[in-house]
Amino acid sequence: MVEYVKLNDDSDDSSKDKKRNNNNFKNSRDDSSKISSIITVKRVVWSIIILIILSILISSCTIAIAPKIAVVPISGEITTSSSISLFSNTASSRMIANQIYTLADDNSIKAIILDINSPGGSPVASDEIAQAILYAKDKKPVYTVFSDLGASGAYWIAVSSDKIYSAPLSIVGSIGVTSATLSFEEFIQEWNITYRQQTAGEFKDIGSPFREQREDEKIMMQNLLDTVHLEFIEHIAQHRNLSVEYVTSLATGEIFLGRRALELELIDEIGYLRDVIADLREEVGNETLVMTYTPSRTSSIISVNIPLGDFFSTNSKPIITLS
């Protein structure tokens, strides 16, 4: 009897071992299934990521080689470099000119549009951009469109392009040159302040705000302004195929609305950016992409023509601007 019971105990132990082994095997299969599922999910995720990366690369390559019309915005006062300013934008001629040279040498760029909204600026800065346009137009069409403002130095720039568009109510022209300095001599006299300045060179302190301008200095400055003015007039006459005499009659600094500018042959068409794009697509192909290339620039609140270092200096020089 005792022996019989013992055999039953052994049988129970064996049954428990089998169940335990079966459970272990089942758990092992469950773990393997979970690992397999995780691996599958990871593969799917990585496949999606790779597909996204490939689509971006393919899209980038497609855009890079696709024929394009480049739009270059020129907004704010035109300077050779970023000036100290508040409340307005400044356009750096060096950044813009470099952008135009790059686009001119890019075979995927079929045409360039200068989208201008500027009251003008430095003669040097304006001519720097104009020279880049002359380089570019030898390789591809370069068109200009004015939005609110296309005056003075901005007009100098536009004249170099193949064709100029303007909105009907855009302000165009202002073909003139100006120079300005501050004057504190009366303030100095009223407050009994003594001004002492030592120079080597008769005109070294020309434009000093702390003394009255001499007559010979006024004549010298006027000669400089007249020279720049004549350069402006000749530049317009040459690139607009107009006579110097005719341009001189318009070069009073007067501003014109777009419609009047068209009558005076200062522009070629009345239109907006979309009109320029449509006309260029007819010329270079309807399948061309339109992309904007914006050079870096400084944002500001109001524009200060005189650098701060010179503002407090007795050697401040007059600033000549096309405006």
Protein backbone atom coordinates (compact mmCIF):
# COMPACT_ATOMS: atom_id res chain seq x y z
CA MET A 1 0.00 0.00 0.00
CA VAL A 2 2.76 2.38 0.82
CA GLU A 3 4.54 1.51 -2.36
CA TYR A 4 1.44 2.24 -4.44
CA VAL A 5 1.14 5.72 -2.96
CA LYS A 6 4.73 6.45 -3.70
CA LEU A 7 4.28 5.58 -7.33
CA ASN A 8 1.35 8.00 -7.50
CA ASP A 9 3.51 10.75 -6.04
CA ASP A 10 6.15 10.16 -8.67
CA SER A 11 3.50 10.32 -11.36
CA ASP A 12 2.21 13.65 -10.02
CA ASP A 13 5.72 15.13 -10.01
CA SER A 14 6.26 14.03 -13.58
CA SER A 15 3.00 15.63 -14.63
CA LYS A 16 3.93 18.89 -12.95
CA ASP A 17 7.29 18.92 -14.71
CA LYS A 18 5.60 18.44 -18.06
CA LYS A 19 3.20 21.29 -17.37
CA ARG A 20 6.07 23.51 -16.25
CA ASN A 21 8.02 22.71 -19.41
CA ASN A 22 4.96 23.36 -21.54
CA ASN A 23 4.44 26.73 -19.85
CA ASN A 24 8.11 27.64 -20.30
CA PHE A 25 7.91 26.70 -23.97
CA LYS A 26 4.75 28.73 -24.40
CA ASN A 27 6.31 31.75 -22.66
CA SER A 28 9.40 31.40 -24.84
CA ARG A 29 7.22 31.38 -27.95
CA ASP A 30 5.36 34.47 -26.71
CA ASP A 31 8.65 36.30 -26.06
CA SER A 32 9.95 35.37 -29.50
CA SER A 33 6.73 36.60 -31.05
CA LYS A 34 7.00 39.93 -29.21
CA ILE A 35 10.65 40.37 -30.27
CA SER A 36 9.70 39.55 -33.84
CA SER A 37 6.89 42.11 -33.74
CA ILE A 38 9.24 44.81 -32.37
CA ILE A 39 11.80 44.06 -35.08
CA THR A 40 9.07 44.26 -37.74
CA VAL A 41 7.86 47.63 -36.42
CA LYS A 42 11.41 48.98 -36.36
CA ARG A 43 11.96 47.83 -39.94
CA VAL A 44 8.75 49.53 -41.03
CA VAL A 45 9.72 52.77 -39.24
CA TRP A 46 13.21 52.78 -40.75
CA SER A 47 11.77 52.03 -44.19
CA ILE A 48 9.46 55.04 -43.86
CA ILE A 49 12.33 57.27 -42.70
CA ILE A 50 14.54 56.14 -45.60
CA LEU A 51 11.70 56.74 -48.07
CA ILE A 52 11.17 60.25 -46.68
CA ILE A 53 14.90 61.06 -46.90
CA LEU A 54 15.07 59.70 -50.45
CA SER A 55 12.01 61.70 -51.50
CA ILE A 56 13.55 64.89 -50.04
CA LEU A 57 16.85 64.25 -51.81
CA ILE A 58 15.11 63.51 -55.10
CA SER A 59 12.92 66.61 -54.71
CA SER A 60 15.98 68.77 -53.90
CA CYS A 61 17.89 67.43 -56.89
CA THR A 62 14.86 67.98 -59.12
CA ILE A 63 14.52 71.60 -57.96
CA ALA A 64 18.27 72.17 -58.31
CA ILE A 65 18.35 71.15 -61.97
CA ALA A 66 14.85 72.36 -62.94
CA PRO A 67 14.66 75.56 -65.01
CA LYS A 68 13.83 78.50 -62.74
CA ILE A 69 13.00 82.19 -62.73
CA ALA A 70 14.78 83.86 -59.81
CA VAL A 71 13.09 86.71 -57.94
CA VAL A 72 15.52 88.97 -56.03
CA PRO A 73 13.83 91.39 -53.58
CA ILE A 74 15.48 94.79 -53.03
CA SER A 75 13.77 96.63 -50.21
CA GLY A 76 14.68 99.67 -48.15
CA GLU A 77 17.55 102.14 -48.32
CA ILE A 78 20.39 100.88 -50.50
CA THR A 79 23.78 100.89 -48.78
CA THR A 80 27.13 99.22 -49.37
CA SER A 81 26.83 97.52 -46.02
CA SER A 82 24.38 97.19 -43.14
CA SER A 83 23.99 100.61 -41.53
CA ILE A 84 22.87 101.56 -38.05
CA SER A 85 19.17 102.08 -38.47
CA LEU A 86 15.81 101.98 -36.72
CA PHE A 87 12.29 101.45 -38.02
CA SER A 88 13.18 100.54 -41.64
CA ASN A 89 14.97 97.99 -43.78
CA THR A 90 18.31 98.45 -45.47
CA ALA A 91 19.46 96.61 -48.57
CA SER A 92 23.14 95.67 -48.73
CA SER A 93 24.47 96.20 -52.26
CA ARG A 94 27.30 93.71 -51.70
CA MET A 95 24.96 90.91 -50.68
CA ILE A 96 22.54 91.68 -53.51
CA ALA A 97 25.28 92.02 -56.14
CA ASN A 98 26.89 88.74 -55.06
CA GLN A 99 23.48 87.07 -55.28
CA ILE A 100 22.97 88.38 -58.82
CA TYR A 101 26.44 87.24 -59.96
CA THR A 102 25.74 83.77 -58.56
CA LEU A 103 22.36 83.55 -60.30
CA ALA A 104 23.89 84.78 -63.55
CA ASP A 105 26.37 81.89 -63.54
CA ASP A 106 23.75 79.28 -62.58
CA ASN A 107 22.63 77.49 -65.75
CA SER A 108 19.35 76.37 -64.14
CA ILE A 109 18.32 80.03 -63.72
CA LYS A 110 16.71 81.11 -66.98
CA ALA A 111 15.77 84.68 -65.98
CA ILE A 112 16.05 87.12 -63.08
CA ILE A 113 13.39 89.48 -61.71
CA LEU A 114 14.38 92.37 -59.45
CA ASP A 115 11.43 93.07 -57.15
CA ILE A 116 12.21 96.62 -55.99
CA ASN A 117 10.63 98.70 -53.24
CA SER A 118 13.22 101.34 -52.36
CA PRO A 119 13.53 105.13 -52.07
CA GLY A 120 17.17 105.00 -53.21
CA GLY A 121 20.46 105.24 -51.38
CA SER A 122 24.18 105.55 -51.92
CA PRO A 123 25.44 106.17 -55.50
CA VAL A 124 28.22 103.62 -54.98
CA ALA A 125 25.80 100.99 -53.65
CA SER A 126 23.33 101.61 -56.48
CA ASP A 127 26.03 101.33 -59.13
CA GLU A 128 27.45 98.18 -57.54
CA ILE A 129 24.13 96.42 -58.07
CA ALA A 130 23.76 97.98 -61.53
CA GLN A 131 27.11 96.51 -62.61
CA ALA A 132 26.02 93.05 -61.46
CA ILE A 133 22.82 93.43 -63.51
CA LEU A 134 24.81 94.38 -66.62
CA TYR A 135 26.89 91.24 -66.13
CA ALA A 136 23.79 89.07 -65.72
CA LYS A 137 21.82 90.46 -68.66
CA ASP A 138 24.57 89.33 -71.05
CA LYS A 139 23.64 85.76 -70.07
CA LYS A 140 19.88 85.82 -69.47
CA PRO A 141 16.90 88.21 -69.32
CA VAL A 142 16.80 90.54 -66.31
CA TYR A 143 13.50 92.36 -65.64
CA THR A 144 12.62 94.86 -62.91
CA VAL A 145 9.28 95.52 -61.22
CA PHE A 146 8.55 98.42 -58.84
CA SER A 147 6.03 98.05 -56.04
CA ASP A 148 5.51 101.16 -53.88
CA LEU A 149 8.82 102.86 -54.61
CA GLY A 150 11.30 102.84 -57.45
CA ALA A 151 12.98 106.17 -56.91
CA SER A 152 16.44 107.67 -57.20
CA GLY A 153 19.11 105.01 -56.57
CA ALA A 154 16.47 102.29 -57.04
CA TYR A 155 15.77 103.74 -60.49
CA TRP A 156 19.53 103.79 -61.22
CA ILE A 157 19.51 100.04 -60.56
CA ALA A 158 16.39 99.34 -62.63
CA VAL A 159 17.67 101.23 -65.68
CA SER A 160 20.40 98.60 -66.11
CA SER A 161 17.87 95.79 -66.59
CA ASP A 162 16.28 94.71 -69.88
CA LYS A 163 12.77 95.85 -69.03
CA ILE A 164 11.09 97.90 -66.27
CA TYR A 165 7.55 97.30 -64.99
CA SER A 166 5.70 99.49 -62.50
CA ALA A 167 2.33 99.51 -60.80
CA PRO A 168 0.09 102.38 -61.97
CA LEU A 169 0.51 104.20 -58.66
CA SER A 170 4.14 103.38 -57.92
CA ILE A 171 6.44 106.34 -57.21
CA VAL A 172 9.12 106.44 -59.89
CA GLY A 173 11.93 108.82 -60.79
CA SER A 174 13.40 111.34 -58.35
CA ILE A 175 16.42 111.69 -60.62
CA GLY A 176 18.58 113.84 -58.40
CA VAL A 177 21.35 113.90 -55.81
CA THR A 178 21.35 115.25 -52.27
CA SER A 179 23.81 115.82 -49.47
CA ALA A 180 23.16 116.91 -45.90
CA THR A 181 25.06 117.66 -42.71
CA LEU A 182 24.05 118.74 -39.24
CA SER A 183 24.95 122.22 -37.96
CA PHE A 184 25.60 123.18 -34.32
CA GLU A 185 27.45 126.49 -34.69
CA GLU A 186 24.58 128.61 -33.30
CA PHE A 187 24.15 126.21 -30.40
CA ILE A 188 27.89 126.50 -29.65
CA GLN A 189 27.75 130.30 -29.72
CA GLU A 190 24.63 130.46 -27.56
CA TRP A 191 26.17 128.25 -24.89
CA ASN A 192 29.57 129.91 -25.13
CA ILE A 193 31.31 126.67 -26.15
CA THR A 194 34.77 126.90 -27.69
CA TYR A 195 35.43 124.76 -30.76
CA ARG A 196 39.07 123.95 -31.55
CA GLN A 197 40.04 121.93 -34.61
CA GLN A 198 43.51 121.28 -36.01
CA THR A 199 43.90 119.96 -39.54
CA ALA A 200 46.59 119.43 -42.15
CA GLY A 201 44.82 120.19 -45.39
CA GLU A 202 42.58 123.13 -46.20
CA PHE A 203 39.41 121.08 -46.68
CA LYS A 204 40.09 118.28 -44.22
CA ASP A 205 37.23 119.28 -41.90
CA ILE A 206 34.74 120.09 -44.65
CA GLY A 207 31.23 119.41 -43.40
CA SER A 208 32.10 119.95 -39.76
CA PRO A 209 28.85 120.55 -37.84
CA PHE A 210 30.61 122.86 -35.35
CA ARG A 211 31.38 125.79 -37.66
CA GLU A 212 29.73 127.65 -40.51
CA GLN A 213 30.41 126.29 -43.99
CA ARG A 214 32.71 128.50 -46.04
CA GLU A 215 31.71 129.67 -49.52
CA ASP A 216 34.50 127.73 -51.25
CA GLU A 217 33.34 124.59 -49.43
CA LYS A 218 29.80 125.12 -50.69
CA ILE A 219 31.12 125.41 -54.25
CA MET A 220 33.20 122.26 -53.86
CA MET A 221 30.27 120.24 -52.53
CA GLN A 222 27.99 121.52 -55.28
CA ASN A 223 30.54 120.46 -57.91
CA LEU A 224 30.58 116.96 -56.42
CA LEU A 225 26.79 116.77 -56.48
CA ASP A 226 26.66 118.04 -60.07
CA THR A 227 29.20 115.41 -61.14
CA VAL A 228 27.19 112.56 -59.59
CA HIS A 229 24.00 114.03 -61.07
CA LEU A 230 25.53 114.05 -64.56
CA GLU A 231 26.65 110.43 -64.12
CA PHE A 232 23.07 109.54 -63.18
CA ILE A 233 21.67 111.32 -66.24
CA GLU A 234 24.16 109.71 -68.64
CA HIS A 235 23.51 106.28 -67.14
CA ILE A 236 19.77 106.66 -67.80
CA ALA A 237 20.30 108.08 -71.29
CA GLN A 238 22.60 105.21 -72.27
CA HIS A 239 20.47 102.33 -70.99
CA ARG A 240 17.05 103.78 -71.84
CA ASN A 241 18.14 104.89 -75.32
CA LEU A 242 17.18 108.49 -74.59
CA SER A 243 19.04 111.70 -75.28
CA VAL A 244 21.04 113.35 -72.52
CA GLU A 245 19.11 116.56 -73.12
CA TYR A 246 15.76 114.83 -72.67
CA VAL A 247 16.82 113.03 -69.47
CA THR A 248 18.27 116.30 -68.14
CA SER A 249 14.85 117.91 -68.55
CA LEU A 250 13.40 115.19 -66.29
CA ALA A 251 16.27 115.12 -63.81
CA THR A 252 14.89 117.75 -61.45
CA GLY A 253 14.33 115.35 -58.56
CA GLU A 254 10.62 115.24 -59.44
CA ILE A 255 8.72 112.02 -58.75
CA PHE A 256 6.17 110.48 -61.12
CA LEU A 257 3.41 107.93 -60.76
CA GLY A 258 3.78 104.76 -62.79
CA ARG A 259 1.37 105.79 -65.56
CA ARG A 260 3.15 109.12 -66.04
CA ALA A 261 6.55 107.38 -65.96
CA LEU A 262 5.36 105.18 -68.84
CA GLU A 263 4.37 108.25 -70.87
CA LEU A 264 7.81 109.76 -70.20
CA GLU A 265 9.54 106.52 -71.33
CA LEU A 266 11.10 105.99 -67.92
CA ILE A 267 9.52 102.51 -67.73
CA ASP A 268 8.36 99.94 -70.31
CA GLU A 269 5.15 98.38 -68.96
CA ILE A 270 2.43 98.87 -66.36
CA GLY A 271 2.16 95.68 -64.34
CA TYR A 272 2.78 93.76 -61.16
CA LEU A 273 5.09 90.88 -60.28
CA ARG A 274 2.66 88.26 -61.62
CA ASP A 275 2.62 90.09 -64.99
CA VAL A 276 6.40 90.04 -65.16
CA ILE A 277 6.46 86.31 -64.37
CA ALA A 278 3.84 85.61 -67.06
CA ASP A 279 5.79 87.57 -69.69
CA LEU A 280 9.08 85.92 -68.79
CA ARG A 281 7.53 82.44 -68.90
CA GLU A 282 6.47 83.12 -72.46
CA GLU A 283 10.09 83.97 -73.21
CA VAL A 284 11.95 81.22 -71.32
CA GLY A 285 9.32 78.47 -70.99
CA ASN A 286 6.01 77.93 -69.20
CA GLU A 287 7.36 75.03 -67.12
CA THR A 288 9.90 77.16 -65.25
CA LEU A 289 9.68 77.30 -61.46
CA VAL A 290 9.60 80.68 -59.72
CA MET A 291 11.85 80.93 -56.67
CA THR A 292 12.69 83.88 -54.43
CA TYR A 293 16.33 84.42 -53.47
CA THR A 294 16.55 86.79 -50.52
CA PRO A 295 19.97 88.11 -49.51
CA SER A 296 20.44 88.67 -45.77
CA ARG A 297 19.72 92.15 -44.57
CA THR A 298 19.25 94.11 -41.37
CA SER A 299 15.85 95.13 -40.06
CA SER A 300 15.53 98.51 -38.47
CA ILE A 301 13.22 101.28 -37.29
CA ILE A 302 14.60 104.52 -38.71
CA SER A 303 17.50 105.00 -41.00
CA VAL A 304 20.52 106.99 -39.90
CA ASN A 305 22.78 108.16 -42.71
CA ILE A 306 25.66 109.23 -40.50
CA PRO A 307 27.53 106.43 -38.67
CA LEU A 308 27.61 106.97 -34.92
CA GLY A 309 31.41 107.15 -34.91
CA ASP A 310 31.26 110.17 -37.21
CA PHE A 311 28.20 111.69 -35.58
CA PHE A 312 30.22 112.69 -32.53
CA SER A 313 33.36 113.43 -34.52
CA THR A 314 34.50 116.87 -35.65
CA ASN A 315 35.54 115.23 -38.92
CA SER A 316 32.02 114.30 -40.06
CA LYS A 317 31.72 114.34 -43.84
CA PRO A 318 28.59 115.08 -45.89
CA ILE A 319 26.70 111.99 -46.98
CA ILE A 320 25.79 111.98 -50.69
CA THR A 321 22.69 110.01 -51.58
CA LEU A 322 20.55 109.48 -54.66
CA SER A 323 17.18 110.62 -53.38
